[in-house]
Amino acid sequence: MATLLADKYEARKAEVNERFEQLRANEEKLNRIFAEIYNMVGEVPIEVEDKYVSVARIFDTADEIPESYKGNKYVRTKRDEITSLMSYAVGCMFGRYSLDVDGLVLADQGDTLANYVAKMPDANNITFMPDEDNVLPICDDEYFEDDIVGRFVEFVRVVYGAETLEENLRFIADALGGKGTPRQVIRVYFLKDFFSDHCQTYKKRPIYWLFDSGKKNGFKALVYMHRYQPDLLARVRTDYVFAQQERYRTQIGYIDDALASAEKGERVKLEKQRKKFVDQLEETAKFEEKLHHLADQMIAIDLDDGVKVNYAKFQDVLAKIK
């Protein structure tokens, strides 16, 4: 049955904010009890300030947060709720979570899709299947079948229904902020902000790793460290980077053909597009060399060593943790 994400958000906000007020009331009741026990009524504060209530409180926007809540680390906004949903969706894409069972699913070193299927109550009727090869490309357009934006849109369709898909995507995009169509806004978030938000959530110890060619966004892709296999880098290189480079060459070729007969106004636009593709191609060429060097080593990791140690092994091709 189709569901509006806006309705789900409002229901969650009401539940969370009611819990906030209930905790405040409980704490004030305890303060009053202890003040009476120790004969300190009127000498100690009974009321609990907003910033000291230690459970979540949701506001639609940051501008709506009163000054009295400043300093409360549990305060959240609609954007925070939506980015948490997007993080959960990525977890489902990798098989860390599932729509069919509670809790963690794939969380052991070297887990595969076969391990995921084996943990399902009905292997023939899985609601949302994780990515097969543990690589979710993030490009500035939908070049790959398992493009992260395409997979996220499918996740929203599966969870909330096809009938409300476009309205739900608009709600998500409005919460994120930005210009363009809902899919464009969502793509920009995955390109620019998802990894930094993920690093913040996991205290600079990300479990989803971002392959990143550089500032030109020539190539980016997320992988899940628990599903890492020594041949992963080789697969990223051959199945994704090479394919992306070929697309850039093709686009440059199309533009060169168009420039031969383009008028002045159109020529400016085409030359700008050409420069973008040339820059991305050059960036991915340098990235591919680094990736090739590491891929040939078939590097193994040990989750017991921790994220920091393992991430450093691939620092030449992974995004910097800030």
Foldseek 3Di string as FASTA:
>chain_A
DFDAVVVVVVVVLVVQQVVQVVQQVVQLVVVVVVCVVVVNVVPDDSGDFLCPRQAEHEAQDPVPDDPSNPNNPRYYHPLRVLLVVLVVLLCCQQQLDFPQDDHGQQDAAQDAQVSSLVPGPDSVDGLQRHDHLQKAKQAQDPPDPNHPLVSVLVVCCSPRHDVCSQVNLVVSLVSQDDDDGSSNSVSVCVQPPSVLVQCVVVVNQHQWWWFALDDLRLIIITGGRRNDFLQSLVCCLPVPLVSSLVVLVVLLVVLVVVCVPDDDVVNVVSVVVNVSSVVSNVSSVVLSVLSVVSSVVSDDDDCVVGRVVVVVSSVSGTDDHD
